[in-house]
Protein backbone atom coordinates (compact mmCIF):
# COMPACT_ATOMS: atom_id res chain seq x y z
CA MET A 1 -9.44 9.40 9.84
CA LEU A 2 -8.18 12.98 10.00
CA THR A 3 -9.51 15.58 7.60
CA ARG A 4 -7.50 18.73 7.14
CA ALA A 5 -7.05 21.68 4.83
CA PRO A 6 -4.04 21.95 2.52
CA ALA A 7 -0.79 22.94 4.19
CA LYS A 8 0.07 26.60 4.03
CA GLY A 9 3.65 27.43 3.04
CA GLY A 10 6.58 25.53 4.55
CA GLN A 11 7.35 21.86 4.24
CA GLY A 12 10.50 20.90 6.08
CA SER A 13 12.18 17.56 5.71
CA GLY A 14 11.41 16.22 9.13
CA GLY A 15 13.15 17.95 11.99
CA GLN A 16 14.46 20.72 9.76
CA GLY A 17 12.41 23.89 9.94
CA SER A 18 11.43 25.83 6.88
CA SER A 19 10.73 29.51 6.55
CA GLY A 20 7.50 28.68 4.75
CA GLN A 21 8.51 30.56 1.63
CA GLY A 22 7.63 28.97 -1.70
CA SER A 23 10.94 30.14 -3.12
CA GLU A 24 12.81 28.05 -0.55
CA LEU A 25 10.73 24.98 -1.41
CA ALA A 26 11.59 25.50 -5.07
CA ARG A 27 15.27 25.11 -4.13
CA TYR A 28 14.86 21.54 -2.78
CA ILE A 29 16.38 18.83 -4.95
CA SER A 30 17.28 15.18 -4.47
CA PRO A 31 20.87 13.96 -4.85
CA ALA A 32 19.90 12.29 -8.15
CA GLY A 33 18.32 15.53 -9.36
CA MET A 34 21.47 17.47 -8.47
CA ASP A 35 23.59 14.91 -10.34
CA ALA A 36 21.37 15.40 -13.40
CA LEU A 37 21.73 19.20 -13.27
CA ARG A 38 25.50 18.95 -12.88
CA GLY A 39 25.65 16.40 -15.70
CA GLU A 40 23.72 18.69 -18.03
CA LEU A 41 25.95 21.65 -17.13
CA ASN A 42 29.10 19.59 -17.73
CA THR A 43 27.81 18.32 -21.09
CA LEU A 44 26.99 21.85 -22.23
CA MET A 45 30.37 23.24 -21.17
CA ARG A 46 32.57 20.30 -22.14
CA ASP A 47 30.88 19.05 -25.33
CA GLU A 48 28.11 21.18 -26.78
CA ARG A 49 29.52 24.70 -26.41
CA PRO A 50 33.02 23.92 -27.79
CA ARG A 51 31.44 22.12 -30.76
CA ILE A 52 29.23 25.14 -31.58
CA VAL A 53 32.14 27.58 -31.08
CA GLU A 54 34.12 25.56 -33.63
CA ILE A 55 31.24 25.73 -36.13
CA VAL A 56 30.85 29.49 -35.63
CA SER A 57 34.60 30.04 -36.09
CA TRP A 58 34.59 28.00 -39.28
CA ALA A 59 31.46 29.79 -40.57
CA ALA A 60 32.90 33.23 -39.74
CA GLY A 61 35.82 32.48 -42.04
CA ASN A 62 33.45 31.86 -44.96
CA GLY A 63 32.79 35.52 -45.69
CA ASP A 64 29.54 37.50 -45.42
CA ARG A 65 28.15 36.73 -41.98
CA SER A 66 24.78 38.38 -42.59
CA GLU A 67 23.72 35.61 -45.00
CA ASN A 68 25.71 32.76 -43.50
CA GLY A 69 23.21 30.26 -42.04
CA ASP A 70 25.83 28.27 -40.14
CA TYR A 71 27.15 31.44 -38.53
CA LEU A 72 23.71 32.87 -37.66
CA TYR A 73 22.38 29.56 -36.32
CA GLY A 74 25.60 28.95 -34.39
CA LYS A 75 25.49 32.37 -32.71
CA LYS A 76 21.83 31.80 -31.79
CA ARG A 77 22.65 28.36 -30.38
CA LEU A 78 25.56 29.81 -28.38
CA ARG A 79 23.19 32.35 -26.80
CA GLU A 80 20.79 29.54 -25.90
CA ILE A 81 23.59 27.46 -24.39
CA ASP A 82 24.96 30.40 -22.42
CA ARG A 83 21.47 31.22 -21.10
CA ARG A 84 20.99 27.62 -19.97
CA VAL A 85 24.48 27.54 -18.40
CA ARG A 86 23.67 30.68 -16.38
CA PHE A 87 20.35 29.17 -15.28
CA LEU A 88 21.91 25.84 -14.26
CA THR A 89 24.78 27.54 -12.44
CA LYS A 90 22.37 29.64 -10.37
CA ARG A 91 20.11 26.64 -9.63
CA ILE A 92 23.06 24.52 -8.52
CA GLU A 93 24.47 27.28 -6.31
CA LYS A 94 21.14 27.89 -4.55
CA ALA A 95 19.91 24.29 -4.36
CA ILE A 96 19.13 22.62 -1.06
CA ILE A 97 19.94 18.93 -1.42
CA VAL A 98 17.53 16.72 0.52
CA ASP A 99 18.11 12.96 0.48
CA PRO A 100 14.71 11.23 0.77
CA ALA A 101 16.47 8.04 1.92
CA GLN A 102 17.51 9.89 5.09
CA GLN A 103 13.96 10.94 6.01
CA PRO A 104 13.45 10.06 9.69
CA ARG A 105 9.66 10.58 9.73
CA ARG A 106 8.63 7.98 7.19
CA ASP A 107 5.02 7.88 8.36
CA HIS A 108 4.38 11.41 7.03
CA VAL A 109 4.51 12.83 3.50
CA PHE A 110 7.58 14.97 2.92
CA PHE A 111 9.96 15.69 0.06
CA GLY A 112 10.93 12.50 -1.76
CA ALA A 113 7.93 10.46 -0.62
CA THR A 114 6.13 8.16 -3.00
CA VAL A 115 2.46 8.52 -2.14
CA THR A 116 -0.46 6.36 -3.17
CA TYR A 117 -3.75 8.22 -2.83
CA ALA A 118 -7.38 7.76 -3.84
CA THR A 119 -9.57 10.46 -5.32
CA GLU A 120 -13.29 11.01 -4.77
CA ARG A 121 -13.87 9.23 -8.11
CA ASP A 122 -12.21 6.07 -6.71
CA GLU A 123 -9.14 6.55 -8.88
CA THR A 124 -5.87 5.45 -7.33
CA ARG A 125 -2.79 7.46 -8.18
CA VAL A 126 0.86 7.07 -7.25
CA VAL A 127 3.16 10.09 -7.25
CA THR A 128 6.68 10.84 -6.06
CA ILE A 129 7.25 14.35 -4.72
CA LEU A 130 10.50 15.85 -6.05
CA GLY A 131 12.06 19.23 -6.78
CA VAL A 132 10.83 21.58 -9.48
CA ASP A 133 13.90 20.91 -11.65
CA GLU A 134 13.58 17.13 -11.57
CA ALA A 135 9.86 16.29 -11.48
CA ASP A 136 8.52 14.52 -14.58
CA THR A 137 4.79 13.78 -14.67
CA VAL A 138 5.32 11.09 -17.31
CA ARG A 139 7.29 9.13 -14.68
CA GLY A 140 4.71 9.90 -11.97
CA GLU A 141 6.84 12.61 -10.35
CA ILE A 142 5.31 15.89 -9.22
CA SER A 143 6.89 19.11 -8.09
CA LEU A 144 7.07 19.89 -4.39
CA VAL A 145 5.27 23.17 -5.07
CA SER A 146 2.43 21.63 -7.11
CA PRO A 147 -1.10 21.81 -5.66
CA VAL A 148 -1.29 18.03 -5.17
CA ALA A 149 2.05 17.91 -3.34
CA ARG A 150 1.09 20.86 -1.16
CA ALA A 151 -2.19 19.18 -0.24
CA LEU A 152 -0.46 15.88 0.60
CA MET A 153 2.39 17.43 2.60
CA ARG A 154 2.64 16.16 6.20
CA ALA A 155 -0.31 13.77 5.78
CA ARG A 156 -0.21 10.22 7.10
CA VAL A 157 -1.77 7.00 5.83
CA GLY A 158 -5.53 7.23 6.32
CA ASP A 159 -5.65 11.03 6.29
CA GLU A 160 -8.01 12.82 3.97
CA VAL A 161 -6.73 16.07 2.55
CA ARG A 162 -8.44 18.75 0.52
CA LEU A 163 -7.07 19.60 -2.90
CA VAL A 164 -8.23 22.98 -4.19
CA THR A 165 -8.79 22.82 -7.96
CA PRO A 166 -10.36 25.18 -10.50
CA ARG A 167 -13.41 22.85 -10.56
CA GLY A 168 -13.72 23.05 -6.80
CA ASP A 169 -12.37 21.22 -3.79
CA GLU A 170 -11.59 17.53 -4.04
CA MET A 171 -10.82 15.17 -1.18
CA LEU A 172 -7.84 12.81 -1.48
CA GLU A 173 -7.24 9.89 0.86
CA VAL A 174 -3.65 8.84 1.53
CA MET A 175 -3.38 5.07 1.07
CA ALA A 176 0.39 4.47 1.35
CA ILE A 177 3.66 6.37 1.86
CA SER A 178 7.12 5.07 1.04
CA TYR A 179 10.65 6.40 0.79
CA PRO A 180 13.82 5.04 -0.79
CA PRO A 181 15.65 2.57 1.49
CA GLU A 182 18.02 4.12 4.03
CA THR A 183 21.59 4.25 2.78
CA GLY A 184 23.59 3.83 5.94
CA GLY A 185 24.94 6.68 8.06
CA ARG A 186 22.84 9.77 8.49
CA ALA A 187 24.35 13.18 8.00
């Protein structure tokens, strides 16, 4: 059983080097996560924004804009939509798509791994490590840059890793690692 400190910086996706910068790790996203971002962007641009523009145009024709709730709310909603569109556009442009199904080193924890680990309190937890824009703790998904993911990174089954928490260090033991099934030809 190997005991080691939490990984510092870079992660890599097996065979692909990483500069070790947290900002680069924050750009990693799975193909499904990228599809979700693109879907949200398309919905905002194709459905939501035109609908709100129509409401604002109608409300503007109703006279005094300073006391027109539909107009004021519509303009506010348009600013929110435009802000989200800018954010999504930048995230999509800078994203690094990593397909967990193509991971060659399936005996180590990397992006996209589903990891079963035990805590010092004999609690067993299962988490999937995904990108910052797609992780959902309700579904058992954690961000690649989260403390737990950073501690687990590159570990193998049987390894004990140290998780640094505000209450002090905690040891986690990796019980199982899995990835989505391979999907044919590798890129």
